[in-house]
N, C-alpha and C. Protein backbone atom coordinates (compact mmCIF):
# COMPACT_ATOMS: atom_id res chain seq x y z
N MET A 1 163.69 132.76 230.66
CA MET A 1 163.79 132.59 231.74
C MET A 1 164.29 133.00 233.03
N LYS A 2 164.17 133.12 234.53
CA LYS A 2 164.30 133.83 235.31
C LYS A 2 166.17 132.47 235.74
N ILE A 3 166.50 134.28 236.13
CA ILE A 3 168.00 133.12 236.85
C ILE A 3 168.20 133.28 238.47
N ALA A 4 168.44 133.14 239.47
CA ALA A 4 168.97 133.19 240.94
C ALA A 4 170.74 133.11 240.50
N VAL A 5 171.20 133.33 241.29
CA VAL A 5 172.50 133.50 241.00
C VAL A 5 173.15 133.24 242.33
N VAL A 6 173.82 131.98 242.96
CA VAL A 6 173.55 132.09 244.33
C VAL A 6 175.26 132.48 244.02
N ASP A 7 176.43 133.01 245.05
CA ASP A 7 176.93 133.37 244.30
C ASP A 7 177.58 134.76 245.61
N PRO A 8 178.86 134.86 246.99
CA PRO A 8 179.54 135.65 247.13
C PRO A 8 180.27 136.97 246.96
N ASN A 9 180.37 136.54 245.33
CA ASN A 9 181.42 137.90 244.86
C ASN A 9 180.63 137.93 243.85
N ALA A 10 179.92 140.08 244.44
CA ALA A 10 179.35 141.06 244.11
C ALA A 10 179.75 140.92 242.58
N TRP A 11 181.40 140.78 242.16
CA TRP A 11 181.98 141.39 241.27
C TRP A 11 181.46 141.36 240.06
N PHE A 12 181.18 139.15 240.48
CA PHE A 12 180.59 138.18 239.48
C PHE A 12 179.29 138.07 238.92
N VAL A 13 178.01 138.92 240.52
CA VAL A 13 177.30 139.18 240.10
C VAL A 13 176.69 140.17 239.35
N GLN A 14 177.36 141.33 238.70
CA GLN A 14 177.65 142.57 238.16
C GLN A 14 177.60 141.66 237.02
N GLY A 15 178.88 141.23 236.27
CA GLY A 15 179.32 141.08 235.52
C GLY A 15 178.21 140.04 235.03
N LEU A 16 177.42 139.50 235.72
CA LEU A 16 176.63 138.43 234.31
C LEU A 16 175.43 138.73 233.93
N GLU A 17 175.17 140.27 235.63
CA GLU A 17 173.74 141.02 235.45
C GLU A 17 174.22 141.29 233.74
N ALA A 18 175.47 142.12 233.31
CA ALA A 18 175.49 143.00 232.16
C ALA A 18 175.52 141.64 230.90
N VAL A 19 176.52 140.50 231.19
CA VAL A 19 176.33 139.24 230.02
C VAL A 19 174.52 139.74 229.40
N LEU A 20 173.60 139.08 231.02
CA LEU A 20 172.83 138.52 231.17
C LEU A 20 171.29 139.98 230.06
N ARG A 21 172.22 140.83 230.36
CA ARG A 21 171.00 141.95 229.70
C ARG A 21 170.88 141.73 228.36
N ASP A 22 171.82 141.50 227.34
CA ASP A 22 172.12 140.99 226.08
C ASP A 22 171.11 140.11 226.07
N ASP A 23 170.60 139.34 226.33
CA ASP A 23 169.48 138.03 225.80
C ASP A 23 168.28 138.62 226.51
N GLU A 24 167.75 138.77 226.00
CA GLU A 24 166.01 139.35 226.33
C GLU A 24 165.21 137.78 226.83
N ARG A 25 165.47 136.26 226.68
CA ARG A 25 165.51 135.38 227.21
C ARG A 25 166.07 135.43 228.47
N LEU A 26 166.48 135.62 228.90
CA LEU A 26 167.48 135.66 230.18
C LEU A 26 167.23 136.53 230.96
N GLU A 27 166.34 136.52 232.40
CA GLU A 27 166.57 137.66 232.87
C GLU A 27 166.88 136.87 235.09
N LEU A 28 168.37 138.34 235.69
CA LEU A 28 168.58 138.17 236.82
C LEU A 28 167.49 138.26 237.54
N ALA A 29 166.62 137.08 238.16
CA ALA A 29 165.82 137.61 238.98
C ALA A 29 166.36 137.90 240.47
N PHE A 30 166.80 137.56 241.06
CA PHE A 30 168.26 138.13 242.08
C PHE A 30 169.79 137.10 242.42
N ALA A 31 170.17 138.23 243.98
CA ALA A 31 171.35 137.36 243.97
C ALA A 31 171.52 137.10 244.82
N ASP A 32 172.02 135.74 245.46
CA ASP A 32 171.58 135.00 246.62
C ASP A 32 172.94 134.63 247.91
N PRO A 33 173.76 135.79 248.34
CA PRO A 33 174.89 135.29 248.66
C PRO A 33 175.45 133.38 249.60
N THR A 34 174.31 132.76 250.11
CA THR A 34 174.15 132.27 250.68
C THR A 34 172.76 130.82 250.55
N GLY A 35 172.60 131.33 249.03
CA GLY A 35 171.32 129.85 249.37
C GLY A 35 171.08 130.20 249.35
N ASP A 36 170.67 130.82 250.74
CA ASP A 36 169.28 130.18 251.79
C ASP A 36 167.76 130.70 250.74
N ARG A 37 167.91 131.89 250.14
CA ARG A 37 166.52 132.62 249.93
C ARG A 37 165.93 131.83 248.35
N LEU A 38 167.58 131.33 247.69
CA LEU A 38 166.98 130.15 247.00
C LEU A 38 166.14 129.04 247.35
N LEU A 39 166.43 128.28 247.93
CA LEU A 39 166.08 126.86 248.34
C LEU A 39 164.05 127.79 248.51
N ARG A 40 164.16 128.47 249.22
CA ARG A 40 163.01 129.54 250.38
C ARG A 40 162.87 129.38 249.08
N GLU A 41 162.54 130.52 248.16
CA GLU A 41 161.39 131.27 247.26
C GLU A 41 161.52 131.28 245.80
N ALA A 42 162.48 130.11 245.06
CA ALA A 42 161.95 129.65 244.21
C ALA A 42 161.26 129.88 243.57
N LYS A 43 160.01 129.49 244.08
CA LYS A 43 159.17 129.09 242.93
C LYS A 43 157.81 130.41 243.06
N ILE A 44 158.21 131.10 244.67
CA ILE A 44 157.19 132.33 244.93
C ILE A 44 157.95 133.40 243.23
N THR A 45 158.67 132.86 243.07
CA THR A 45 160.46 134.50 242.41
C THR A 45 159.58 133.54 240.69
N GLY A 46 159.63 132.20 240.55
CA GLY A 46 159.68 131.76 239.41
C GLY A 46 161.44 131.81 238.64
N VAL A 47 161.67 131.36 239.52
CA VAL A 47 163.48 130.51 238.58
C VAL A 47 162.73 129.55 238.98
N GLU A 48 164.11 129.60 237.43
CA GLU A 48 164.37 127.70 237.32
C GLU A 48 165.55 128.00 237.20
N LEU A 49 166.99 128.75 236.71
CA LEU A 49 168.05 128.14 236.41
C LEU A 49 168.47 128.71 237.87
N ALA A 50 169.62 128.27 238.45
CA ALA A 50 170.75 129.05 239.26
C ALA A 50 171.94 128.14 238.97
N VAL A 51 173.11 130.10 239.39
CA VAL A 51 174.45 129.25 238.58
C VAL A 51 174.81 129.84 240.00
N VAL A 52 175.17 128.67 240.22
CA VAL A 52 175.96 128.71 242.30
C VAL A 52 177.55 128.27 242.20
N CYS A 53 178.24 128.75 243.24
CA CYS A 53 179.78 128.82 242.92
C CYS A 53 179.91 127.76 243.89
N SER A 54 180.64 127.29 243.71
CA SER A 54 181.95 126.23 244.14
C SER A 54 182.41 127.12 245.72
N ARG A 55 182.45 128.22 245.84
CA ARG A 55 182.79 128.67 247.03
C ARG A 55 181.59 128.83 248.76
N LEU A 56 180.54 128.21 248.61
CA LEU A 56 179.05 128.00 249.48
C LEU A 56 180.20 127.68 250.52
N LYS A 57 180.54 128.33 252.01
CA LYS A 57 181.00 128.51 252.94
C LYS A 57 180.22 127.16 253.37
N GLU A 58 178.82 127.02 253.64
CA GLU A 58 178.41 126.00 254.37
C GLU A 58 177.31 126.23 253.67
N PRO A 59 176.44 124.64 253.46
CA PRO A 59 176.92 124.01 253.57
C PRO A 59 178.09 122.91 252.29
N GLY A 60 178.58 123.59 251.56
CA GLY A 60 179.53 123.37 251.10
C GLY A 60 178.76 123.37 249.24
N LEU A 61 179.38 123.06 248.42
CA LEU A 61 179.24 123.47 246.72
C LEU A 61 177.87 121.96 246.99
N ILE A 62 178.21 120.50 246.72
CA ILE A 62 177.87 119.16 246.79
C ILE A 62 176.62 119.28 247.33
N PRO A 63 177.15 119.93 248.89
CA PRO A 63 175.47 119.15 248.97
C PRO A 63 174.60 120.00 249.68
N TYR A 64 174.93 121.46 249.12
CA TYR A 64 174.08 122.75 248.79
C TYR A 64 172.97 122.30 247.24
N LEU A 65 173.82 121.43 246.85
CA LEU A 65 173.76 120.56 245.14
C LEU A 65 171.94 119.90 245.57
N GLU A 66 172.65 119.05 246.55
CA GLU A 66 171.89 118.08 246.66
C GLU A 66 169.86 118.20 247.16
N LYS A 67 170.61 119.48 247.48
CA LYS A 67 169.74 119.82 248.78
C LYS A 67 168.85 120.58 247.80
N LEU A 68 169.59 121.52 247.06
CA LEU A 68 168.50 122.26 246.10
C LEU A 68 167.67 121.45 245.54
N ARG A 69 167.77 120.11 244.49
CA ARG A 69 167.38 119.24 243.88
C ARG A 69 166.39 118.60 244.60
N ARG A 70 166.74 118.03 245.86
CA ARG A 70 165.59 118.08 247.17
C ARG A 70 164.07 118.53 247.45
N ARG A 71 164.83 120.17 247.40
CA ARG A 71 163.59 121.35 248.17
C ARG A 71 163.44 121.78 246.50
N GLN A 72 163.93 121.98 245.99
CA GLN A 72 163.00 122.35 244.66
C GLN A 72 163.86 121.87 243.19
N PRO A 73 163.27 121.21 243.07
CA PRO A 73 163.26 120.57 242.05
C PRO A 73 163.74 120.94 240.23
N GLU A 74 162.60 121.70 240.24
CA GLU A 74 162.70 122.52 239.41
C GLU A 74 163.08 123.14 238.64
N VAL A 75 164.29 123.58 239.87
CA VAL A 75 165.62 124.92 239.28
C VAL A 75 166.23 124.05 238.93
N ARG A 76 166.95 124.07 237.72
CA ARG A 76 168.31 123.83 237.22
C ARG A 76 169.15 124.82 237.55
N ALA A 77 170.31 123.60 238.20
CA ALA A 77 171.51 123.71 238.74
C ALA A 77 172.18 123.69 237.55
N LEU A 78 173.00 125.44 237.35
CA LEU A 78 174.27 125.02 236.55
C LEU A 78 175.80 125.61 237.65
N ALA A 79 177.22 124.61 238.13
CA ALA A 79 177.75 124.87 239.13
C ALA A 79 178.90 125.82 238.49
N ARG A 80 179.35 126.62 238.85
CA ARG A 80 180.62 127.00 239.12
C ARG A 80 181.78 126.45 239.40
N LEU A 81 183.22 126.03 238.77
CA LEU A 81 184.12 125.51 240.18
C LEU A 81 185.08 125.95 239.92
N ARG A 82 186.32 126.20 240.70
CA ARG A 82 187.06 126.50 241.23
C ARG A 82 188.20 126.17 239.51
N VAL A 83 188.09 124.18 239.93
CA VAL A 83 189.03 123.68 238.82
C VAL A 83 188.03 122.86 238.18
N ALA A 84 188.08 122.60 236.96
CA ALA A 84 187.38 121.00 236.74
C ALA A 84 188.08 119.53 236.55
N THR A 85 187.80 118.80 237.53
CA THR A 85 188.73 117.61 237.60
C THR A 85 187.57 117.10 237.51
N PRO A 86 188.26 115.94 236.41
CA PRO A 86 186.90 114.63 235.67
C PRO A 86 185.97 114.67 237.76
N ALA A 87 187.34 113.83 238.35
CA ALA A 87 186.65 114.10 240.09
C ALA A 87 185.07 114.92 240.66
N ARG A 88 185.91 116.19 240.43
CA ARG A 88 184.59 117.38 240.94
C ARG A 88 183.20 116.67 239.84
N VAL A 89 183.91 116.27 238.69
CA VAL A 89 182.52 117.18 237.59
C VAL A 89 181.45 115.81 237.48
N ARG A 90 182.05 114.83 237.63
CA ARG A 90 181.25 113.81 238.26
C ARG A 90 180.85 113.93 239.87
N ASP A 91 181.79 114.27 240.69
CA ASP A 91 180.60 114.52 242.07
C ASP A 91 179.24 115.83 241.18
N VAL A 92 179.14 116.90 241.03
CA VAL A 92 178.15 117.93 240.76
C VAL A 92 177.44 117.81 239.66
N MET A 93 177.77 116.23 239.01
CA MET A 93 176.65 115.25 237.89
C MET A 93 175.86 114.77 238.88
N GLN A 94 176.27 113.97 239.88
CA GLN A 94 175.53 113.00 240.76
C GLN A 94 174.86 114.09 241.78
N ALA A 95 175.30 115.15 242.24
CA ALA A 95 174.57 116.45 243.12
C ALA A 95 173.30 116.57 242.34
N GLY A 96 172.99 116.54 241.00
CA GLY A 96 171.65 117.10 239.98
C GLY A 96 172.05 118.44 239.84
N ALA A 97 173.08 118.53 239.37
CA ALA A 97 174.28 119.78 238.68
C ALA A 97 173.09 119.10 236.93
N ARG A 98 173.34 120.46 235.96
CA ARG A 98 173.01 119.68 234.69
C ARG A 98 173.82 120.60 233.72
N GLY A 99 174.81 121.15 234.21
CA GLY A 99 176.13 121.51 233.81
C GLY A 99 177.36 122.14 234.78
N CYS A 100 178.18 122.56 234.40
CA CYS A 100 178.85 122.96 235.11
C CYS A 100 180.25 123.96 234.08
N VAL A 101 180.93 125.07 234.78
CA VAL A 101 182.12 125.96 234.27
C VAL A 101 182.56 126.18 234.90
N VAL A 102 184.38 126.65 234.74
CA VAL A 102 184.97 127.14 235.26
C VAL A 102 185.44 128.53 236.19
N GLU A 103 185.69 129.04 236.89
CA GLU A 103 185.42 130.09 237.41
C GLU A 103 185.83 131.58 236.11
N ASP A 104 187.37 130.46 235.65
CA ASP A 104 187.84 131.22 234.68
C ASP A 104 187.95 130.95 233.39
N ASP A 105 186.63 130.54 232.88
CA ASP A 105 185.67 130.29 232.05
C ASP A 105 185.59 132.20 231.18
N PRO A 106 185.95 132.00 230.36
CA PRO A 106 184.98 133.65 229.73
C PRO A 106 183.59 134.11 229.86
N PRO A 107 183.52 134.89 229.74
CA PRO A 107 181.58 135.44 229.96
C PRO A 107 180.97 134.13 228.78
N ASP A 108 181.28 134.12 227.40
CA ASP A 108 180.97 134.12 226.36
C ASP A 108 180.70 132.80 226.62
N ILE A 109 181.55 131.56 227.09
CA ILE A 109 181.57 130.01 228.05
C ILE A 109 180.10 129.78 228.29
N LEU A 110 180.53 130.84 229.62
CA LEU A 110 179.59 131.16 230.33
C LEU A 110 177.85 131.01 230.16
N LEU A 111 177.71 131.79 229.83
CA LEU A 111 176.21 132.08 228.84
C LEU A 111 176.49 131.07 228.32
N GLU A 112 177.26 130.29 226.81
CA GLU A 112 176.97 129.14 226.19
C GLU A 112 176.04 128.03 227.45
N ALA A 113 176.81 128.33 228.20
CA ALA A 113 176.32 126.79 229.47
C ALA A 113 174.79 127.23 229.94
N ILE A 114 174.90 128.77 230.37
CA ILE A 114 173.11 129.02 230.57
C ILE A 114 172.60 129.10 229.98
N ARG A 115 172.48 129.30 227.95
CA ARG A 115 171.69 128.91 227.63
C ARG A 115 171.74 127.94 227.42
N ALA A 116 172.13 126.52 227.34
CA ALA A 116 172.29 125.42 227.07
C ALA A 116 171.25 124.74 228.78
N VAL A 117 171.50 125.07 229.79
CA VAL A 117 170.76 124.11 230.80
C VAL A 117 169.52 124.92 230.67
N ALA A 118 169.20 126.42 230.03
CA ALA A 118 167.79 126.80 230.06
C ALA A 118 167.12 126.14 228.90
N ALA A 119 168.34 125.27 228.26
CA ALA A 119 167.00 124.81 227.36
C ALA A 119 167.10 123.94 226.96
N GLY A 120 166.98 123.16 228.85
CA GLY A 120 166.98 121.73 228.70
C GLY A 120 167.87 120.53 229.07
N ARG A 121 169.41 120.96 228.40
CA ARG A 121 170.25 120.43 228.10
C ARG A 121 171.69 120.42 228.92
N SER A 122 171.77 119.45 229.26
CA SER A 122 173.16 119.42 229.94
C SER A 122 174.51 120.51 229.65
N SER A 123 175.25 120.61 230.23
CA SER A 123 176.58 121.71 229.31
C SER A 123 177.81 120.96 230.30
N PHE A 124 178.47 120.63 230.39
CA PHE A 124 179.57 120.13 231.53
C PHE A 124 180.75 119.80 230.07
N PRO A 125 182.32 119.96 230.93
CA PRO A 125 183.62 119.96 230.06
C PRO A 125 183.89 118.39 229.87
N PHE A 126 184.67 118.37 228.94
CA PHE A 126 185.10 117.59 228.84
C PHE A 126 184.93 116.75 229.65
N ILE A 127 185.37 115.50 229.95
CA ILE A 127 185.96 114.52 231.07
C ILE A 127 186.44 113.35 230.23
N ASP A 128 187.82 113.43 231.27
CA ASP A 128 188.58 111.97 231.17
C ASP A 128 188.14 111.01 231.63
N PHE A 129 187.05 109.96 231.50
CA PHE A 129 186.33 108.81 232.39
C PHE A 129 187.21 107.70 231.91
N GLU A 130 188.93 107.41 231.65
CA GLU A 130 189.88 107.03 231.34
C GLU A 130 190.39 107.00 232.70
N LYS A 131 190.56 108.39 233.10
CA LYS A 131 191.48 108.54 234.14
C LYS A 131 190.81 107.92 236.04
N LEU A 132 189.12 108.38 235.40
CA LEU A 132 188.80 108.06 236.06
C LEU A 132 188.58 106.28 236.98
N ARG A 133 188.52 105.51 235.80
CA ARG A 133 188.86 104.17 235.75
C ARG A 133 189.82 103.70 236.58
N ARG A 134 191.93 104.72 236.06
CA ARG A 134 192.91 104.04 236.67
C ARG A 134 192.84 104.40 238.26
N ASP A 135 192.15 105.45 238.29
CA ASP A 135 192.93 105.80 239.94
C ASP A 135 192.02 106.01 240.76
N PRO A 136 191.70 104.62 241.68
CA PRO A 136 190.22 104.28 241.91
C PRO A 136 190.60 105.75 243.56
N PHE A 137 191.04 106.76 244.04
CA PHE A 137 191.09 108.01 244.04
C PHE A 137 189.75 108.28 243.22
N GLU A 138 189.81 108.62 242.66
CA GLU A 138 188.63 109.51 241.34
C GLU A 138 187.64 109.50 240.96
N THR A 139 187.24 107.59 241.42
CA THR A 139 185.94 107.84 241.58
C THR A 139 185.22 107.61 242.33
N LEU A 140 186.33 108.24 243.90
CA LEU A 140 185.67 108.36 245.53
C LEU A 140 184.75 109.75 245.14
N THR A 141 183.40 109.75 245.91
CA THR A 141 182.60 110.91 245.84
C THR A 141 183.36 111.25 246.86
N ALA A 142 182.18 112.39 246.48
CA ALA A 142 183.00 113.61 247.77
C ALA A 142 182.83 113.23 249.50
N ARG A 143 181.45 112.32 249.88
CA ARG A 143 181.23 112.17 250.85
C ARG A 143 182.81 111.13 251.45
N GLU A 144 182.34 109.86 250.55
CA GLU A 144 183.37 108.70 250.36
C GLU A 144 185.49 109.43 250.75
N ARG A 145 185.73 110.89 249.76
CA ARG A 145 186.89 111.34 250.46
C ARG A 145 186.99 111.68 251.94
N ASP A 146 185.67 112.77 251.98
CA ASP A 146 185.91 112.76 252.94
C ASP A 146 186.02 112.24 254.38
N VAL A 147 185.30 110.77 254.38
CA VAL A 147 185.41 109.81 255.32
C VAL A 147 186.60 109.45 255.59
N LEU A 148 187.29 109.70 254.64
CA LEU A 148 188.60 108.63 254.07
C LEU A 148 189.91 109.64 254.82
N SER A 149 189.40 110.68 254.35
CA SER A 149 190.52 112.01 255.02
C SER A 149 190.19 111.53 256.72
N ALA A 150 189.23 111.98 256.95
CA ALA A 150 188.89 111.77 258.99
C ALA A 150 189.85 109.81 259.69
N LEU A 151 189.83 109.35 258.02
CA LEU A 151 190.05 107.81 258.30
C LEU A 151 191.64 108.69 258.66
N ALA A 152 192.44 108.82 257.93
CA ALA A 152 193.33 109.60 257.79
C ALA A 152 193.86 110.21 258.86
N GLN A 153 192.83 110.99 259.90
CA GLN A 153 193.10 111.98 260.84
C GLN A 153 193.36 110.80 262.12
N GLY A 154 192.41 109.46 261.77
CA GLY A 154 192.47 108.73 262.96
C GLY A 154 191.57 108.25 263.72
N TRP A 155 190.39 108.87 263.18
CA TRP A 155 188.86 108.82 263.94
C TRP A 155 188.31 107.98 264.48
N THR A 156 187.41 107.77 264.90
CA THR A 156 186.77 106.54 264.95
C THR A 156 185.59 106.94 264.14
N ASN A 157 184.79 105.35 264.01
CA ASN A 157 183.13 105.81 263.33
C ASN A 157 182.26 106.89 264.01
N GLU A 158 182.08 107.01 266.06
CA GLU A 158 181.46 108.07 266.64
C GLU A 158 181.90 109.72 265.92
N GLN A 159 183.03 109.44 265.63
CA GLN A 159 183.93 110.67 265.42
C GLN A 159 183.35 111.25 263.78
N ILE A 160 183.49 110.60 263.70
CA ILE A 160 183.19 110.74 262.26
C ILE A 160 181.76 110.94 261.45
N SER A 161 181.38 110.15 262.62
CA SER A 161 179.58 110.00 262.32
C SER A 161 179.30 111.92 263.03
N ALA A 162 179.57 112.35 263.84
CA ALA A 162 179.59 113.45 264.64
C ALA A 162 180.02 114.86 263.48
N ARG A 163 180.83 114.31 263.11
CA ARG A 163 181.90 115.74 262.84
C ARG A 163 181.48 115.68 260.88
N LEU A 164 180.27 114.46 260.48
CA LEU A 164 180.29 115.00 259.24
C LEU A 164 178.22 115.17 259.11
N GLY A 165 178.15 114.34 260.33
CA GLY A 165 176.51 114.80 260.94
C GLY A 165 175.55 113.47 259.87
N ILE A 166 175.88 112.48 260.07
CA ILE A 166 176.11 111.00 259.51
C ILE A 166 175.25 110.82 260.21
N SER A 167 175.09 108.65 260.60
CA SER A 167 174.57 107.83 261.02
C SER A 167 175.38 107.40 261.16
N PRO A 168 176.42 106.45 262.34
CA PRO A 168 177.01 105.45 262.53
C PRO A 168 177.24 104.63 261.05
N ASN A 169 175.58 104.66 261.19
CA ASN A 169 175.73 103.26 259.81
C ASN A 169 176.12 103.32 258.39
N THR A 170 175.33 104.68 258.47
CA THR A 170 175.83 105.53 257.63
C THR A 170 177.33 105.11 257.36
N VAL A 171 178.60 105.46 258.17
CA VAL A 171 179.52 105.89 258.04
C VAL A 171 180.73 104.08 257.60
N LYS A 172 179.98 103.06 258.00
CA LYS A 172 179.95 101.90 258.11
C LYS A 172 179.18 101.69 256.79
N HIS A 173 178.07 102.16 256.08
CA HIS A 173 178.41 101.90 254.69
C HIS A 173 179.73 102.74 253.49
N HIS A 174 179.88 103.63 253.97
CA HIS A 174 180.82 104.76 253.56
C HIS A 174 182.04 103.68 253.41
N LEU A 175 182.51 103.18 254.23
CA LEU A 175 183.92 102.74 254.92
C LEU A 175 183.59 101.60 253.80
N LYS A 176 182.49 100.31 254.01
CA LYS A 176 182.63 99.21 252.84
C LYS A 176 182.42 98.89 251.56
N VAL A 177 182.19 100.49 251.02
CA VAL A 177 182.35 100.96 249.97
C VAL A 177 184.08 100.87 249.43
N LEU A 178 184.00 103.06 250.15
CA LEU A 178 185.40 102.57 249.82
C LEU A 178 186.64 101.74 249.97
N PHE A 179 185.94 100.79 250.91
CA PHE A 179 186.93 99.50 250.59
C PHE A 179 186.57 98.39 249.80
N SER A 180 186.17 98.34 249.19
CA SER A 180 186.04 98.17 247.97
C SER A 180 186.04 98.72 247.00
N LYS A 181 186.34 99.87 246.38
CA LYS A 181 186.80 100.89 245.79
C LYS A 181 188.27 100.97 245.38
N LEU A 182 188.76 101.07 246.94
CA LEU A 182 189.84 100.94 247.01
C LEU A 182 190.82 100.05 247.08
N ASP A 183 190.41 98.78 246.73
CA ASP A 183 190.28 97.54 247.07
C ASP A 183 191.95 96.72 248.43
N VAL A 184 191.14 96.80 248.56
CA VAL A 184 191.46 97.11 250.88
C VAL A 184 190.42 95.96 251.38
N LYS A 185 191.10 96.07 253.07
CA LYS A 185 190.05 94.98 253.25
C LYS A 185 189.79 96.11 254.81
N ASN A 186 191.25 97.18 254.98
CA ASN A 186 190.12 97.63 256.05
C ASN A 186 190.96 98.50 256.60
N ARG A 187 191.19 99.58 257.84
CA ARG A 187 191.68 101.03 257.67
C ARG A 187 191.99 101.62 257.22
N SER A 188 193.29 100.41 257.78
CA SER A 188 195.35 101.14 258.00
C SER A 188 195.23 101.00 256.89
N ALA A 189 195.19 99.27 255.79
CA ALA A 189 195.38 99.31 254.46
C ALA A 189 194.94 100.92 253.63
N ALA A 190 193.35 101.63 254.24
CA ALA A 190 192.56 101.84 253.18
C ALA A 190 193.92 103.49 253.28
N VAL A 191 194.01 103.86 254.31
CA VAL A 191 194.34 105.04 255.09
C VAL A 191 196.44 105.09 254.01
N ALA A 192 197.14 103.96 254.33
CA ALA A 192 198.26 103.40 253.80
C ALA A 192 198.58 104.22 251.97
N ARG A 193 197.03 104.00 251.56
CA ARG A 193 196.53 104.04 250.41
C ARG A 193 196.69 105.15 249.73
N TRP A 194 195.48 105.93 250.76
CA TRP A 194 196.01 106.90 250.42
C TRP A 194 197.02 108.30 250.47
N LEU A 195 198.18 107.59 251.36
CA LEU A 195 199.21 108.86 252.16
C LEU A 195 200.37 108.11 251.22
């Protein structure tokens, strides 16, 4: 199976290449520091699995995973996270990743996750779903947290729309969902609960 690595860290790429050499079923097709090449050339190069780093500058991990799922749905994504909080793991699941590992995981854990995803299985760390249920902020999606952060800065719907690149109606939808999840009635109450 051909693998692409979307990661700006050349040291990690070299280390992964060395680890993959020991498994004849897995082959590093190419490394892509920005993710642009994978979006364009996955089908041409035969890439079926991508290891995607959370340190992508633009557009960020979650939007990138969503874009990858839309443009190259046959590519299975394995996300590398700095920290695997329950909310972050949930976000990468919702964005289309088939698994995730933490950057500090040893090579054998990474290889085990790659093999699982390559075999069509999921590979995620344990998630305390009870914590997600108890803490309303843990239930917010990445985009909802972006909107809440903008609210805390006093931005208007129009400013949020322009900054996040979404329509004003989408901002209103996120606010409605946010208010429901936080069990509040307005912007001020949402911000007060956040702070």
